[in-house]
């Protein structure tokens, strides 16, 4: 009888300080990320302005294709991150890799075209504009990157490495999408190599930094 009372007292003591936890909702997570990405895009356009052709309602085919692929990758990777934060049996969050494969054709095409034309991607003129896209696109990624990191910390991702990688890809793709609305370059070499570099850099950052921050 005494042992039973002691057990009841121990259980009561353990649960006394527990607080209810609000479950993560897929729609809420997706809406938050999209809202933050919209804010980042608005800041980029406000600071640097929109491309003249976009402002006039015109679209260059190559720019439209590249920008659309980066946006599609951003959305697919974001969905994967939100799903990873609330794991359950039978969940599949690998679909973003198909979007990554499609967007990955851009840097491959850029390298092939550059090699065929004999372009020097490190020429002085290229180095004036390319690193600017890399730096500003990366900076435009940071707000989404931070929000995804906080969302994953609230959740319980079972594969922190993959979650960090997907979060970095999503942030980088949103960042370069935002800056693409300003960038006047339509060349596949620039769009593939320098814009793609933003996604690769942020993916590496997410894979290296986030697992230790979101581990539970």
C-alpha atoms as a PDB file:
ATOM      1  CA  UNK A   1       0.000   0.000   0.000  1.00  0.00           C
ATOM      2  CA  UNK A   2       2.841   2.333   0.886  1.00  0.00           C
ATOM      3  CA  UNK A   3       4.617   1.480  -2.355  1.00  0.00           C
ATOM      4  CA  UNK A   4       1.454   2.258  -4.316  1.00  0.00           C
ATOM      5  CA  UNK A   5       1.113   5.631  -2.591  1.00  0.00           C
ATOM      6  CA  UNK A   6       4.770   6.393  -3.253  1.00  0.00           C
ATOM      7  CA  UNK A   7       4.309   5.567  -6.933  1.00  0.00           C
ATOM      8  CA  UNK A   8       1.248   7.793  -7.167  1.00  0.00           C
ATOM      9  CA  UNK A   9       3.120  10.615  -5.465  1.00  0.00           C
ATOM     10  CA  UNK A  10       6.081  10.217  -7.821  1.00  0.00           C
ATOM     11  CA  UNK A  11       3.845  10.277 -10.907  1.00  0.00           C
ATOM     12  CA  UNK A  12       1.997  13.324  -9.604  1.00  0.00           C
ATOM     13  CA  UNK A  13       5.305  15.081  -8.966  1.00  0.00           C
ATOM     14  CA  UNK A  14       6.576  14.294 -12.458  1.00  0.00           C
ATOM     15  CA  UNK A  15       3.492  15.566 -14.265  1.00  0.00           C
ATOM     16  CA  UNK A  16       2.911  18.576 -12.024  1.00  0.00           C
ATOM     17  CA  UNK A  17       5.263  20.863 -13.950  1.00  0.00           C
ATOM     18  CA  UNK A  18       4.272  19.674 -17.424  1.00  0.00           C
ATOM     19  CA  UNK A  19       2.681  22.193 -19.756  1.00  0.00           C
ATOM     20  CA  UNK A  20       0.524  21.383 -22.782  1.00  0.00           C
ATOM     21  CA  UNK A  21       2.301  21.765 -26.107  1.00  0.00           C
ATOM     22  CA  UNK A  22       0.450  23.168 -29.100  1.00  0.00           C
ATOM     23  CA  UNK A  23       0.880  20.742 -32.012  1.00  0.00           C
ATOM     24  CA  UNK A  24       2.586  21.949 -35.171  1.00  0.00           C
ATOM     25  CA  UNK A  25       0.168  22.409 -38.028  1.00  0.00           C
ATOM     26  CA  UNK A  26       1.247  22.005 -41.622  1.00  0.00           C
ATOM     27  CA  UNK A  27      -0.831  24.911 -42.899  1.00  0.00           C
ATOM     28  CA  UNK A  28       0.464  27.228 -40.207  1.00  0.00           C
ATOM     29  CA  UNK A  29       4.106  26.403 -40.926  1.00  0.00           C
ATOM     30  CA  UNK A  30       3.698  26.833 -44.666  1.00  0.00           C
ATOM     31  CA  UNK A  31       1.829  30.119 -44.228  1.00  0.00           C
ATOM     32  CA  UNK A  32       4.507  31.542 -41.924  1.00  0.00           C
ATOM     33  CA  UNK A  33       7.325  30.702 -44.328  1.00  0.00           C
ATOM     34  CA  UNK A  34       5.459  32.116 -47.315  1.00  0.00           C
ATOM     35  CA  UNK A  35       4.686  35.300 -45.401  1.00  0.00           C
ATOM     36  CA  UNK A  36       8.347  35.740 -44.422  1.00  0.00           C
ATOM     37  CA  UNK A  37       9.483  34.999 -47.989  1.00  0.00           C
ATOM     38  CA  UNK A  38       7.048  37.648 -49.236  1.00  0.00           C
ATOM     39  CA  UNK A  39       8.482  40.163 -46.777  1.00  0.00           C
ATOM     40  CA  UNK A  40      12.033  39.331 -47.916  1.00  0.00           C
ATOM     41  CA  UNK A  41      11.028  39.743 -51.551  1.00  0.00           C
ATOM     42  CA  UNK A  42       9.375  43.064 -50.786  1.00  0.00           C
ATOM     43  CA  UNK A  43      12.511  44.277 -49.020  1.00  0.00           C
ATOM     44  CA  UNK A  44      14.707  43.317 -51.967  1.00  0.00           C
ATOM     45  CA  UNK A  45      12.446  45.084 -54.461  1.00  0.00           C
ATOM     46  CA  UNK A  46      12.139  48.088 -52.172  1.00  0.00           C
ATOM     47  CA  UNK A  47      15.917  48.395 -51.813  1.00  0.00           C
ATOM     48  CA  UNK A  48      17.020  47.573 -55.350  1.00  0.00           C
ATOM     49  CA  UNK A  49      13.941  48.018 -57.517  1.00  0.00           C
ATOM     50  CA  UNK A  50      12.251  45.642 -59.943  1.00  0.00           C
ATOM     51  CA  UNK A  51      13.543  44.717 -63.388  1.00  0.00           C
ATOM     52  CA  UNK A  52      12.328  47.176 -65.988  1.00  0.00           C
ATOM     53  CA  UNK A  53      10.721  44.500 -68.169  1.00  0.00           C
ATOM     54  CA  UNK A  54       8.863  42.956 -65.234  1.00  0.00           C
ATOM     55  CA  UNK A  55       7.662  46.360 -64.124  1.00  0.00           C
ATOM     56  CA  UNK A  56       6.337  46.884 -67.662  1.00  0.00           C
ATOM     57  CA  UNK A  57       4.589  43.502 -67.671  1.00  0.00           C
ATOM     58  CA  UNK A  58       7.022  41.833 -70.090  1.00  0.00           C
ATOM     59  CA  UNK A  59       8.845  38.544 -69.477  1.00  0.00           C
ATOM     60  CA  UNK A  60      12.081  37.213 -70.935  1.00  0.00           C
ATOM     61  CA  UNK A  61      11.693  33.451 -71.560  1.00  0.00           C
ATOM     62  CA  UNK A  62      15.037  32.399 -70.040  1.00  0.00           C
ATOM     63  CA  UNK A  63      14.594  34.602 -66.994  1.00  0.00           C
ATOM     64  CA  UNK A  64      11.026  33.362 -66.528  1.00  0.00           C
ATOM     65  CA  UNK A  65      12.131  29.725 -66.768  1.00  0.00           C
ATOM     66  CA  UNK A  66      15.027  30.069 -64.330  1.00  0.00           C
ATOM     67  CA  UNK A  67      13.087  32.141 -61.821  1.00  0.00           C
ATOM     68  CA  UNK A  68      10.146  29.721 -61.975  1.00  0.00           C
ATOM     69  CA  UNK A  69      12.390  26.731 -61.338  1.00  0.00           C
ATOM     70  CA  UNK A  70      13.967  28.382 -58.297  1.00  0.00           C
ATOM     71  CA  UNK A  71      10.531  29.314 -56.947  1.00  0.00           C
ATOM     72  CA  UNK A  72       9.268  25.761 -57.500  1.00  0.00           C
ATOM     73  CA  UNK A  73      12.300  24.403 -55.661  1.00  0.00           C
ATOM     74  CA  UNK A  74      11.731  26.841 -52.796  1.00  0.00           C
ATOM     75  CA  UNK A  75       8.108  25.750 -52.387  1.00  0.00           C
ATOM     76  CA  UNK A  76       8.871  22.019 -52.646  1.00  0.00           C
ATOM     77  CA  UNK A  77      11.727  22.189 -50.139  1.00  0.00           C
ATOM     78  CA  UNK A  78       9.616  24.264 -47.744  1.00  0.00           C
ATOM     79  CA  UNK A  79       6.844  21.675 -47.820  1.00  0.00           C
ATOM     80  CA  UNK A  80       9.431  18.985 -47.077  1.00  0.00           C
ATOM     81  CA  UNK A  81      10.834  20.909 -44.091  1.00  0.00           C
ATOM     82  CA  UNK A  82       7.391  21.511 -42.597  1.00  0.00           C
ATOM     83  CA  UNK A  83       6.540  17.818 -42.989  1.00  0.00           C
ATOM     84  CA  UNK A  84       9.883  16.785 -41.447  1.00  0.00           C
ATOM     85  CA  UNK A  85       9.141  18.866 -38.363  1.00  0.00           C
ATOM     86  CA  UNK A  86       6.137  16.696 -37.498  1.00  0.00           C
ATOM     87  CA  UNK A  87       7.112  13.140 -38.425  1.00  0.00           C
ATOM     88  CA  UNK A  88       4.598  10.336 -38.532  1.00  0.00           C
ATOM     89  CA  UNK A  89       4.493   6.825 -39.880  1.00  0.00           C
ATOM     90  CA  UNK A  90       4.310   6.679 -43.655  1.00  0.00           C
ATOM     91  CA  UNK A  91       5.267  10.315 -44.251  1.00  0.00           C
ATOM     92  CA  UNK A  92       7.174  10.967 -47.464  1.00  0.00           C
ATOM     93  CA  UNK A  93       9.213  14.139 -47.751  1.00  0.00           C
ATOM     94  CA  UNK A  94      11.487  13.256 -50.655  1.00  0.00           C
ATOM     95  CA  UNK A  95       9.490  14.958 -53.406  1.00  0.00           C
ATOM     96  CA  UNK A  96      11.571  18.138 -53.191  1.00  0.00           C
ATOM     97  CA  UNK A  97      14.507  16.218 -54.646  1.00  0.00           C
ATOM     98  CA  UNK A  98      12.744  16.081 -58.015  1.00  0.00           C
ATOM     99  CA  UNK A  99      12.414  19.849 -57.947  1.00  0.00           C
ATOM    100  CA  UNK A 100      16.093  20.077 -56.974  1.00  0.00           C
ATOM    101  CA  UNK A 101      17.010  17.857 -59.918  1.00  0.00           C
ATOM    102  CA  UNK A 102      15.095  20.072 -62.339  1.00  0.00           C
ATOM    103  CA  UNK A 103      16.569  23.288 -60.936  1.00  0.00           C
ATOM    104  CA  UNK A 104      19.984  21.619 -60.939  1.00  0.00           C
ATOM    105  CA  UNK A 105      19.849  21.518 -64.724  1.00  0.00           C
ATOM    106  CA  UNK A 106      20.363  25.294 -64.739  1.00  0.00           C
ATOM    107  CA  UNK A 107      23.947  25.315 -63.387  1.00  0.00           C
ATOM    108  CA  UNK A 108      24.781  22.283 -65.533  1.00  0.00           C
ATOM    109  CA  UNK A 109      23.489  24.103 -68.608  1.00  0.00           C
ATOM    110  CA  UNK A 110      25.355  27.227 -67.552  1.00  0.00           C
ATOM    111  CA  UNK A 111      28.663  25.380 -67.336  1.00  0.00           C
ATOM    112  CA  UNK A 112      28.103  23.644 -70.702  1.00  0.00           C
ATOM    113  CA  UNK A 113      27.167  26.883 -72.464  1.00  0.00           C
ATOM    114  CA  UNK A 114      30.093  28.749 -70.896  1.00  0.00           C
ATOM    115  CA  UNK A 115      32.503  26.036 -72.005  1.00  0.00           C
ATOM    116  CA  UNK A 116      31.046  25.978 -75.520  1.00  0.00           C
ATOM    117  CA  UNK A 117      31.317  29.748 -75.920  1.00  0.00           C
ATOM    118  CA  UNK A 118      34.719  29.917 -74.326  1.00  0.00           C
ATOM    119  CA  UNK A 119      33.374  32.270 -71.643  1.00  0.00           C
ATOM    120  CA  UNK A 120      35.496  33.050 -68.615  1.00  0.00           C
ATOM    121  CA  UNK A 121      33.128  33.044 -65.648  1.00  0.00           C
ATOM    122  CA  UNK A 122      35.832  34.748 -63.615  1.00  0.00           C
ATOM    123  CA  UNK A 123      36.355  37.574 -66.106  1.00  0.00           C
ATOM    124  CA  UNK A 124      36.398  41.088 -64.654  1.00  0.00           C
ATOM    125  CA  UNK A 125      32.946  42.029 -65.993  1.00  0.00           C
ATOM    126  CA  UNK A 126      31.381  38.820 -64.717  1.00  0.00           C
ATOM    127  CA  UNK A 127      33.037  39.170 -61.332  1.00  0.00           C
ATOM    128  CA  UNK A 128      31.455  42.582 -60.884  1.00  0.00           C
ATOM    129  CA  UNK A 129      27.908  41.280 -61.184  1.00  0.00           C
ATOM    130  CA  UNK A 130      28.033  37.584 -60.254  1.00  0.00           C
ATOM    131  CA  UNK A 131      29.251  37.950 -56.670  1.00  0.00           C
ATOM    132  CA  UNK A 132      26.688  40.715 -56.144  1.00  0.00           C
ATOM    133  CA  UNK A 133      23.885  38.269 -56.920  1.00  0.00           C
ATOM    134  CA  UNK A 134      25.511  35.681 -54.694  1.00  0.00           C
ATOM    135  CA  UNK A 135      25.904  38.068 -51.766  1.00  0.00           C
ATOM    136  CA  UNK A 136      22.516  39.782 -51.950  1.00  0.00           C
ATOM    137  CA  UNK A 137      20.670  36.570 -52.807  1.00  0.00           C
ATOM    138  CA  UNK A 138      22.313  34.916 -49.813  1.00  0.00           C
ATOM    139  CA  UNK A 139      21.399  37.832 -47.552  1.00  0.00           C
ATOM    140  CA  UNK A 140      17.810  37.686 -48.809  1.00  0.00           C
ATOM    141  CA  UNK A 141      17.748  34.020 -47.758  1.00  0.00           C
ATOM    142  CA  UNK A 142      18.596  34.578 -44.107  1.00  0.00           C
ATOM    143  CA  UNK A 143      15.164  35.554 -42.817  1.00  0.00           C
ATOM    144  CA  UNK A 144      13.522  32.435 -44.272  1.00  0.00           C
ATOM    145  CA  UNK A 145      16.497  30.379 -43.057  1.00  0.00           C
ATOM    146  CA  UNK A 146      15.987  31.643 -39.498  1.00  0.00           C
ATOM    147  CA  UNK A 147      12.242  30.985 -39.543  1.00  0.00           C
ATOM    148  CA  UNK A 148      12.711  27.427 -40.825  1.00  0.00           C
ATOM    149  CA  UNK A 149      15.343  26.798 -38.147  1.00  0.00           C
ATOM    150  CA  UNK A 150      12.957  27.989 -35.422  1.00  0.00           C
ATOM    151  CA  UNK A 151      10.131  25.891 -36.853  1.00  0.00           C
ATOM    152  CA  UNK A 152      12.308  22.768 -36.850  1.00  0.00           C
ATOM    153  CA  UNK A 153      13.369  23.469 -33.259  1.00  0.00           C
ATOM    154  CA  UNK A 154       9.691  23.478 -32.268  1.00  0.00           C
ATOM    155  CA  UNK A 155       9.210  20.124 -33.956  1.00  0.00           C
ATOM    156  CA  UNK A 156      10.918  16.761 -33.791  1.00  0.00           C
ATOM    157  CA  UNK A 157      12.701  15.992 -37.071  1.00  0.00           C
ATOM    158  CA  UNK A 158      14.006  12.433 -37.076  1.00  0.00           C
ATOM    159  CA  UNK A 159      16.708  13.235 -39.649  1.00  0.00           C
ATOM    160  CA  UNK A 160      18.246  16.585 -38.634  1.00  0.00           C
ATOM    161  CA  UNK A 161      20.856  16.434 -41.389  1.00  0.00           C
ATOM    162  CA  UNK A 162      18.306  16.079 -44.177  1.00  0.00           C
ATOM    163  CA  UNK A 163      16.030  18.634 -42.538  1.00  0.00           C
ATOM    164  CA  UNK A 164      18.888  21.148 -42.325  1.00  0.00           C
ATOM    165  CA  UNK A 165      19.818  20.529 -45.951  1.00  0.00           C
ATOM    166  CA  UNK A 166      16.224  21.003 -47.148  1.00  0.00           C
ATOM    167  CA  UNK A 167      15.861  24.154 -45.039  1.00  0.00           C
ATOM    168  CA  UNK A 168      19.000  25.617 -46.586  1.00  0.00           C
ATOM    169  CA  UNK A 169      17.797  24.771 -50.091  1.00  0.00           C
ATOM    170  CA  UNK A 170      14.399  26.353 -49.419  1.00  0.00           C
ATOM    171  CA  UNK A 171      15.933  29.518 -47.981  1.00  0.00           C
ATOM    172  CA  UNK A 172      18.489  29.853 -50.778  1.00  0.00           C
ATOM    173  CA  UNK A 173      15.902  29.285 -53.495  1.00  0.00           C
ATOM    174  CA  UNK A 174      13.569  31.889 -51.975  1.00  0.00           C
ATOM    175  CA  UNK A 175      16.477  34.315 -51.635  1.00  0.00           C
ATOM    176  CA  UNK A 176      17.613  34.087 -55.230  1.00  0.00           C
ATOM    177  CA  UNK A 177      14.016  34.160 -56.445  1.00  0.00           C
ATOM    178  CA  UNK A 178      13.616  37.477 -54.640  1.00  0.00           C
ATOM    179  CA  UNK A 179      16.786  38.959 -56.120  1.00  0.00           C
ATOM    180  CA  UNK A 180      15.957  37.579 -59.578  1.00  0.00           C
ATOM    181  CA  UNK A 181      13.082  40.050 -59.687  1.00  0.00           C
ATOM    182  CA  UNK A 182      15.745  42.768 -59.730  1.00  0.00           C
ATOM    183  CA  UNK A 183      18.662  41.098 -61.538  1.00  0.00           C
ATOM    184  CA  UNK A 184      18.656  42.271 -65.198  1.00  0.00           C
ATOM    185  CA  UNK A 185      20.740  39.368 -66.520  1.00  0.00           C
ATOM    186  CA  UNK A 186      19.081  36.831 -68.841  1.00  0.00           C
ATOM    187  CA  UNK A 187      22.155  34.766 -69.695  1.00  0.00           C
ATOM    188  CA  UNK A 188      21.906  31.069 -68.790  1.00  0.00           C
ATOM    189  CA  UNK A 189      25.555  31.138 -67.680  1.00  0.00           C
ATOM    190  CA  UNK A 190      24.816  33.802 -65.083  1.00  0.00           C
ATOM    191  CA  UNK A 191      21.398  32.444 -64.072  1.00  0.00           C
ATOM    192  CA  UNK A 192      22.692  28.918 -63.748  1.00  0.00           C
ATOM    193  CA  UNK A 193      26.075  29.412 -62.114  1.00  0.00           C
ATOM    194  CA  UNK A 194      25.765  32.502 -59.926  1.00  0.00           C
ATOM    195  CA  UNK A 195      22.089  32.206 -59.013  1.00  0.00           C
ATOM    196  CA  UNK A 196      22.488  28.478 -58.464  1.00  0.00           C
ATOM    197  CA  UNK A 197      25.463  29.185 -56.200  1.00  0.00           C
ATOM    198  CA  UNK A 198      23.130  30.897 -53.723  1.00  0.00           C
ATOM    199  CA  UNK A 199      21.123  27.688 -53.316  1.00  0.00           C
ATOM    200  CA  UNK A 200      24.266  25.584 -52.986  1.00  0.00           C
ATOM    201  CA  UNK A 201      25.831  27.884 -50.377  1.00  0.00           C
ATOM    202  CA  UNK A 202      22.672  28.022 -48.266  1.00  0.00           C
ATOM    203  CA  UNK A 203      22.198  24.255 -48.603  1.00  0.00           C
ATOM    204  CA  UNK A 204      25.722  23.733 -47.270  1.00  0.00           C
ATOM    205  CA  UNK A 205      25.067  26.187 -44.439  1.00  0.00           C
ATOM    206  CA  UNK A 206      21.851  24.427 -43.495  1.00  0.00           C
ATOM    207  CA  UNK A 207      23.488  21.005 -43.545  1.00  0.00           C
ATOM    208  CA  UNK A 208      26.441  22.188 -41.463  1.00  0.00           C
ATOM    209  CA  UNK A 209      24.716  24.400 -38.903  1.00  0.00           C
ATOM    210  CA  UNK A 210      21.119  23.328 -38.372  1.00  0.00           C
ATOM    211  CA  UNK A 211      21.498  19.675 -37.227  1.00  0.00           C
ATOM    212  CA  UNK A 212      23.158  20.734 -33.972  1.00  0.00           C
ATOM    213  CA  UNK A 213      20.487  23.392 -33.400  1.00  0.00           C
ATOM    214  CA  UNK A 214      17.415  21.250 -34.032  1.00  0.00           C
ATOM    215  CA  UNK A 215      18.545  17.969 -32.484  1.00  0.00           C
ATOM    216  CA  UNK A 216      16.157  16.787 -29.743  1.00  0.00           C
END
